[in-house]
Amino acid sequence: MTTLALRTGSSAGPAVVGPLLRGPLAAWAFLFLNVMPFLGTSILPIPRSLGQAIAQGSLFAALVLALLANPGLVVRPNVFLLFLSAMAVLALAVSIHNEFPIGSIYRSLRLAVFVVVLWVLSRWWGRADLPLLRAHLACLKVILVSVCVGALVAPGPAFASDGRLSGLVWPIPPPQVGHYAAILVGCTTVLWFCGLAGGRGTTVTLVAGSLALVATHTRTALLGLLLGLVVAGASLFVGHARVRRTAAVVVVVSLVIWTVFSPFIVSWLARGQTVQDLAQLTGRTKVWSEIAERQTTVMQELFGTGLGNKSFGGLPIDSNWVAPHV
């Protein structure tokens, strides 16, 4: 892909910039921290206001680190980022007419800065060594380690949410821990399918991630992981013998496990809920139905009303698909 260089001086980074700052890892880590709101309490003496300030301030730290890693502002043309940029501009434009304009404009500006950081990091997109993916997996491993440390230090509070594993070093609710574990396991498995990962480190990652996912009792994360691996395996089935062998083993083992442990699996999936609770996705569909029934104008349907806080009537929406329509 053609590389566009916007030169603002010498393209060579300063000699004082260490190896860590020359790559995308540091910037990506702060970008990741930016989307981890500080909700709840930590086993560390971190006041909630300070934790929230750290999470929100990490976005601007990511911008600074991205500029240090890419001092020549070398960017790559990217259709996906063009769409994100258009979305950020549109969100800022319509946020002015939001019911809560100050909060909506603030979130729109943060989205714009987020997109700018992605543009600065675009020089690492599409590389064969997958630096951004590996940086993302490194962040997920650090999060998983922090969750495990919290569970070892304070197992009671870590499993206080109906016996579901949550993060304590940095407050992370069980569903979020489950989604992080599922992404880590899924991406690592696909890299192993392609022969890009292996060894004891990969085995430890898969085992620890799978145990954490089961401990969170997060069914949506588990379902997403299974569907993602099925799609990835199907796309790699013809060209990779490792995928074909693994698929055969998984089918046989799954049949044996289901035959022996099906009552326990069904009980684990039900989580003590009724059929009505399962049909309503633990009450989520109630909020979604109210959103679908609300009265909106044609302009609101086409362009939205700006960036909200993913709540409706004081209740969490719990859906990235439904939230943009509020």
Protein backbone atom coordinates (compact mmCIF):
# COMPACT_ATOMS: atom_id res chain seq x y z
CA MET A 1 0.00 0.00 0.00
CA THR A 2 1.29 3.44 -0.91
CA THR A 3 2.75 5.35 2.01
CA LEU A 4 2.09 9.06 2.36
CA ALA A 5 4.64 11.01 4.37
CA LEU A 6 3.73 14.36 5.89
CA ARG A 7 7.10 15.74 6.89
CA THR A 8 7.38 18.19 9.76
CA GLY A 9 11.11 18.07 10.12
CA SER A 10 13.54 15.20 10.18
CA SER A 11 11.96 11.76 9.82
CA ALA A 12 14.49 10.18 12.14
CA GLY A 13 13.35 9.98 15.73
CA PRO A 14 15.40 11.63 18.48
CA ALA A 15 18.23 9.55 19.80
CA VAL A 16 16.84 9.84 23.30
CA VAL A 17 13.65 8.01 22.36
CA GLY A 18 13.99 4.46 23.60
CA PRO A 19 13.06 1.32 21.68
CA LEU A 20 9.73 1.14 23.49
CA LEU A 21 8.69 4.57 22.22
CA ARG A 22 9.74 3.83 18.65
CA GLY A 23 6.99 1.27 18.24
CA PRO A 24 3.22 1.37 18.73
CA LEU A 25 3.09 -0.63 21.99
CA ALA A 26 3.23 2.27 24.46
CA ALA A 27 0.72 4.39 22.55
CA TRP A 28 -1.61 1.42 22.07
CA ALA A 29 -1.44 0.56 25.79
CA PHE A 30 -2.62 4.06 26.76
CA LEU A 31 -5.23 3.94 24.01
CA PHE A 32 -6.47 0.68 25.53
CA LEU A 33 -6.54 2.19 29.02
CA ASN A 34 -8.66 5.00 27.61
CA VAL A 35 -11.57 2.59 27.01
CA MET A 36 -11.37 1.05 30.50
CA PRO A 37 -13.49 3.33 32.71
CA PHE A 38 -12.69 3.29 36.41
CA LEU A 39 -15.97 1.97 37.84
CA GLY A 40 -16.01 0.56 41.34
CA THR A 41 -13.22 0.23 43.86
CA SER A 42 -9.68 -1.08 43.59
CA ILE A 43 -7.62 -3.08 46.07
CA LEU A 44 -5.02 -0.35 45.51
CA PRO A 45 -5.46 3.03 47.27
CA ILE A 46 -6.74 4.77 44.12
CA PRO A 47 -9.59 7.28 44.64
CA ARG A 48 -12.36 6.94 42.11
CA SER A 49 -11.91 10.50 40.83
CA LEU A 50 -8.19 9.85 40.26
CA GLY A 51 -8.90 6.57 38.49
CA GLN A 52 -11.37 8.26 36.16
CA ALA A 53 -8.88 11.04 35.47
CA ILE A 54 -6.20 8.45 34.62
CA ALA A 55 -8.53 6.63 32.21
CA GLN A 56 -9.63 9.79 30.43
CA GLY A 57 -6.19 11.41 30.42
CA SER A 58 -4.62 8.31 28.89
CA LEU A 59 -6.14 9.27 25.52
CA PHE A 60 -3.98 12.38 25.31
CA ALA A 61 -0.97 10.42 26.60
CA ALA A 62 -1.58 7.99 23.73
CA LEU A 63 -1.55 10.89 21.26
CA VAL A 64 1.78 12.17 22.60
CA LEU A 65 3.34 8.68 22.53
CA ALA A 66 2.02 8.05 19.02
CA LEU A 67 3.64 11.30 17.83
CA LEU A 68 6.92 10.30 19.49
CA ALA A 69 6.79 6.91 17.77
CA ASN A 70 5.95 8.51 14.42
CA PRO A 71 7.71 11.92 14.46
CA GLY A 72 7.62 12.22 10.68
CA LEU A 73 3.82 11.76 10.68
CA VAL A 74 3.97 8.95 8.13
CA VAL A 75 0.39 7.82 7.50
CA ARG A 76 -1.14 5.20 5.25
CA PRO A 77 -4.34 5.68 3.23
CA ASN A 78 -7.07 3.69 4.93
CA VAL A 79 -10.74 3.48 3.95
CA PHE A 80 -11.78 2.32 7.42
CA LEU A 81 -10.16 5.34 9.05
CA LEU A 82 -11.80 7.62 6.49
CA PHE A 83 -15.19 6.29 7.58
CA LEU A 84 -14.24 6.74 11.24
CA SER A 85 -13.16 10.30 10.54
CA ALA A 86 -16.46 11.08 8.82
CA MET A 87 -18.31 9.54 11.76
CA ALA A 88 -16.36 11.69 14.24
CA VAL A 89 -17.13 14.88 12.28
CA LEU A 90 -20.82 13.96 11.99
CA ALA A 91 -21.03 13.09 15.69
CA LEU A 92 -19.55 16.46 16.63
CA ALA A 93 -21.93 18.30 14.31
CA VAL A 94 -25.12 16.70 15.64
CA SER A 95 -23.96 16.74 19.29
CA ILE A 96 -24.58 20.47 19.37
CA HIS A 97 -28.33 19.72 19.19
CA ASN A 98 -28.23 16.96 21.79
CA GLU A 99 -30.40 17.13 24.91
CA PHE A 100 -27.17 17.25 26.91
CA PRO A 101 -24.85 19.14 24.51
CA ILE A 102 -21.85 19.63 26.81
CA GLY A 103 -21.42 15.93 27.58
CA SER A 104 -22.16 14.92 24.00
CA ILE A 105 -19.69 17.43 22.55
CA TYR A 106 -17.03 16.31 25.05
CA ARG A 107 -17.45 12.67 24.00
CA SER A 108 -17.39 13.67 20.33
CA LEU A 109 -14.11 15.54 20.79
CA ARG A 110 -12.62 12.52 22.53
CA LEU A 111 -13.74 10.37 19.59
CA ALA A 112 -12.00 12.80 17.22
CA VAL A 113 -8.75 12.56 19.21
CA PHE A 114 -9.08 8.78 19.24
CA VAL A 115 -9.34 8.75 15.44
CA VAL A 116 -6.33 11.06 15.16
CA VAL A 117 -4.27 8.60 17.23
CA LEU A 118 -5.32 5.79 14.90
CA TRP A 119 -4.22 7.85 11.90
CA VAL A 120 -0.81 8.47 13.49
CA LEU A 121 -0.48 4.74 14.17
CA SER A 122 -1.62 3.80 10.65
CA ARG A 123 2.01 3.36 9.51
CA TRP A 124 1.96 0.03 11.39
CA TRP A 125 -1.31 -1.19 9.83
CA GLY A 126 -1.10 -4.08 7.40
CA ARG A 127 2.45 -5.17 8.27
CA ALA A 128 3.31 -8.84 8.09
CA ASP A 129 4.68 -8.91 11.65
CA LEU A 130 1.30 -7.68 13.01
CA PRO A 131 2.68 -5.11 15.48
CA LEU A 132 -0.70 -3.61 16.41
CA LEU A 133 -2.31 -7.01 16.98
CA ARG A 134 0.61 -8.14 19.12
CA ALA A 135 0.43 -4.87 21.08
CA HIS A 136 -3.28 -5.49 21.64
CA LEU A 137 -2.64 -9.04 22.84
CA ALA A 138 0.09 -7.77 25.17
CA CYS A 139 -2.42 -5.36 26.73
CA LEU A 140 -4.94 -8.17 27.16
CA LYS A 141 -2.32 -10.35 28.85
CA VAL A 142 -1.47 -7.57 31.31
CA ILE A 143 -5.17 -7.15 32.12
CA LEU A 144 -5.62 -10.89 32.61
CA VAL A 145 -2.60 -11.02 34.92
CA SER A 146 -4.00 -8.12 36.97
CA VAL A 147 -7.34 -9.95 37.27
CA CYS A 148 -5.59 -13.12 38.43
CA VAL A 149 -3.52 -11.16 40.95
CA GLY A 150 -6.66 -9.58 42.35
CA ALA A 151 -8.34 -12.98 42.63
CA LEU A 152 -5.34 -14.39 44.51
CA VAL A 153 -5.00 -11.44 46.88
CA ALA A 154 -8.72 -10.98 47.60
CA PRO A 155 -10.73 -13.95 46.31
CA GLY A 156 -13.87 -12.92 48.20
CA PRO A 157 -14.34 -9.50 46.56
CA ALA A 158 -13.12 -10.88 43.22
CA PHE A 159 -16.04 -13.35 43.13
CA ALA A 160 -18.54 -11.15 44.98
CA SER A 161 -20.70 -10.64 41.88
CA ASP A 162 -22.77 -13.84 42.06
CA GLY A 163 -19.61 -15.93 42.02
CA ARG A 164 -18.36 -14.36 38.77
CA LEU A 165 -14.72 -13.31 38.40
CA SER A 166 -14.11 -9.55 38.26
CA GLY A 167 -11.03 -7.34 38.24
CA LEU A 168 -9.83 -5.70 41.46
CA VAL A 169 -6.45 -4.14 40.67
CA TRP A 170 -8.27 -2.05 38.08
CA PRO A 171 -12.05 -2.39 38.61
CA ILE A 172 -13.38 -4.48 35.71
CA PRO A 173 -16.89 -6.04 35.78
CA PRO A 174 -17.20 -9.77 34.99
CA PRO A 175 -18.67 -9.36 31.46
CA GLN A 176 -15.76 -7.11 30.47
CA VAL A 177 -13.22 -9.58 31.89
CA GLY A 178 -14.95 -12.34 29.95
CA HIS A 179 -14.83 -10.38 26.69
CA TYR A 180 -11.13 -9.58 27.17
CA ALA A 181 -10.37 -13.26 27.86
CA ALA A 182 -12.39 -14.38 24.83
CA ILE A 183 -10.57 -11.97 22.50
CA LEU A 184 -7.19 -13.07 23.87
CA VAL A 185 -8.00 -16.77 23.47
CA GLY A 186 -9.57 -16.32 20.04
CA CYS A 187 -6.77 -14.22 18.53
CA THR A 188 -4.07 -16.44 20.01
CA THR A 189 -5.79 -19.53 18.62
CA VAL A 190 -6.03 -18.02 15.13
CA LEU A 191 -2.33 -17.07 15.25
CA TRP A 192 -1.56 -20.65 16.27
CA PHE A 193 -3.70 -21.93 13.39
CA CYS A 194 -1.53 -19.89 10.99
CA GLY A 195 1.76 -20.95 12.58
CA LEU A 196 2.47 -17.44 13.90
CA ALA A 197 2.37 -18.41 17.57
CA GLY A 198 3.53 -21.42 19.51
CA GLY A 199 5.49 -22.69 22.47
CA ARG A 200 4.78 -22.72 26.18
CA GLY A 201 3.76 -19.07 26.22
CA THR A 202 0.90 -19.77 23.85
CA THR A 203 -0.23 -22.77 25.90
CA VAL A 204 -0.19 -20.74 29.12
CA THR A 205 -2.14 -17.94 27.44
CA LEU A 206 -4.82 -20.29 26.12
CA VAL A 207 -5.22 -22.16 29.41
CA ALA A 208 -5.26 -19.04 31.59
CA GLY A 209 -7.59 -17.18 29.23
CA SER A 210 -10.01 -20.10 29.00
CA LEU A 211 -10.12 -20.53 32.79
CA ALA A 212 -10.73 -16.80 33.26
CA LEU A 213 -13.52 -16.88 30.67
CA VAL A 214 -15.24 -19.80 32.42
CA ALA A 215 -14.81 -18.10 35.82
CA THR A 216 -16.61 -14.97 34.60
CA HIS A 217 -19.75 -16.92 33.56
CA THR A 218 -20.09 -14.62 30.55
CA ARG A 219 -22.18 -16.42 27.96
CA THR A 220 -22.04 -13.75 25.26
CA ALA A 221 -18.24 -13.77 25.32
CA LEU A 222 -18.18 -17.57 25.14
CA LEU A 223 -20.65 -17.60 22.24
CA GLY A 224 -18.69 -14.92 20.39
CA LEU A 225 -15.46 -16.90 20.88
CA LEU A 226 -16.99 -20.12 19.56
CA LEU A 227 -18.60 -18.46 16.53
CA GLY A 228 -15.41 -16.54 15.74
CA LEU A 229 -13.29 -19.69 15.88
CA VAL A 230 -15.78 -21.55 13.67
CA VAL A 231 -15.63 -18.80 11.03
CA ALA A 232 -11.85 -18.49 11.27
CA GLY A 233 -11.37 -22.26 11.14
CA ALA A 234 -13.66 -22.56 8.11
CA SER A 235 -11.70 -19.90 6.23
CA LEU A 236 -8.40 -21.66 7.04
CA PHE A 237 -9.64 -25.24 6.76
CA VAL A 238 -8.45 -25.97 3.22
CA GLY A 239 -5.01 -24.38 3.40
CA HIS A 240 -3.85 -25.42 6.89
CA ALA A 241 -3.46 -29.04 7.96
CA ARG A 242 -3.20 -27.92 11.59
CA VAL A 243 -6.75 -26.55 11.39
CA ARG A 244 -8.10 -29.79 9.92
CA ARG A 245 -6.45 -31.92 12.61
CA THR A 246 -7.62 -29.58 15.37
CA ALA A 247 -11.18 -29.57 14.03
CA ALA A 248 -11.33 -33.36 14.06
CA VAL A 249 -10.03 -33.53 17.63
CA VAL A 250 -12.39 -30.79 18.83
CA VAL A 251 -15.45 -32.50 17.34
CA VAL A 252 -14.64 -35.83 19.02
CA VAL A 253 -13.74 -34.26 22.38
CA SER A 254 -16.83 -32.02 22.32
CA LEU A 255 -19.13 -34.98 21.73
CA VAL A 256 -17.55 -36.90 24.62
CA ILE A 257 -17.71 -33.91 26.98
CA TRP A 258 -21.33 -33.15 26.08
CA THR A 259 -22.34 -36.79 26.57
CA VAL A 260 -20.77 -36.97 30.02
CA PHE A 261 -21.22 -33.44 31.39
CA SER A 262 -24.31 -32.09 29.57
CA PRO A 263 -26.34 -31.54 32.81
CA PHE A 264 -23.51 -29.49 34.33
CA ILE A 265 -23.00 -27.52 31.11
CA VAL A 266 -26.70 -26.65 30.87
CA SER A 267 -26.72 -25.63 34.55
CA TRP A 268 -23.64 -23.43 34.01
CA LEU A 269 -25.21 -21.74 30.98
CA ALA A 270 -28.52 -21.14 32.78
CA ARG A 271 -26.78 -19.46 35.76
CA GLY A 272 -29.88 -20.14 37.87
CA GLN A 273 -32.08 -17.97 35.65
CA THR A 274 -35.57 -18.72 34.43
CA VAL A 275 -36.57 -19.25 30.82
CA GLN A 276 -38.05 -15.73 30.80
CA ASP A 277 -34.75 -14.25 31.98
CA LEU A 278 -32.89 -16.08 29.23
CA ALA A 279 -35.40 -14.94 26.58
CA GLN A 280 -35.00 -11.32 27.70
CA LEU A 281 -31.18 -11.61 27.85
CA THR A 282 -31.21 -10.82 31.57
CA GLY A 283 -33.51 -7.85 31.09
CA ARG A 284 -31.58 -6.22 28.26
CA THR A 285 -34.38 -6.52 25.71
CA LYS A 286 -36.70 -4.43 27.93
CA VAL A 287 -34.53 -1.37 27.38
CA TRP A 288 -34.07 -2.19 23.69
CA SER A 289 -37.85 -2.40 23.23
CA GLU A 290 -38.34 1.00 24.84
CA ILE A 291 -35.73 2.47 22.51
CA ALA A 292 -37.42 0.96 19.46
CA GLU A 293 -40.81 2.37 20.50
CA ARG A 294 -39.68 5.95 21.15
CA GLN A 295 -40.75 8.73 18.77
CA THR A 296 -37.99 10.16 16.56
CA THR A 297 -37.77 12.50 13.59
CA VAL A 298 -36.42 11.59 10.15
CA MET A 299 -33.27 13.66 10.79
CA GLN A 300 -32.65 11.81 14.05
CA GLU A 301 -33.05 8.46 12.32
CA LEU A 302 -30.57 9.48 9.59
CA PHE A 303 -27.94 11.33 11.63
CA GLY A 304 -28.64 10.47 15.27
CA THR A 305 -28.44 12.93 18.15
CA GLY A 306 -24.75 12.88 18.97
CA LEU A 307 -22.79 10.67 21.34
CA GLY A 308 -24.66 9.62 24.46
CA ASN A 309 -23.50 7.72 27.54
CA LYS A 310 -25.04 4.40 26.45
CA SER A 311 -28.01 4.74 28.79
CA PHE A 312 -31.74 5.21 28.27
CA GLY A 313 -34.14 6.29 30.96
CA GLY A 314 -31.38 5.84 33.52
CA LEU A 315 -30.83 2.20 32.52
CA PRO A 316 -27.75 0.82 30.72
CA ILE A 317 -28.34 -0.15 27.10
CA ASP A 318 -25.71 -2.93 27.04
CA SER A 319 -25.54 -3.02 23.25
CA ASN A 320 -23.14 -1.21 20.94
CA TRP A 321 -25.61 -1.84 18.11
CA VAL A 322 -28.56 -0.21 19.86
CA ALA A 323 -26.71 2.61 21.67
CA PRO A 324 -25.99 4.70 18.53
CA HIS A 325 -29.73 4.95 17.86
CA VAL A 326 -30.42 6.82 21.12
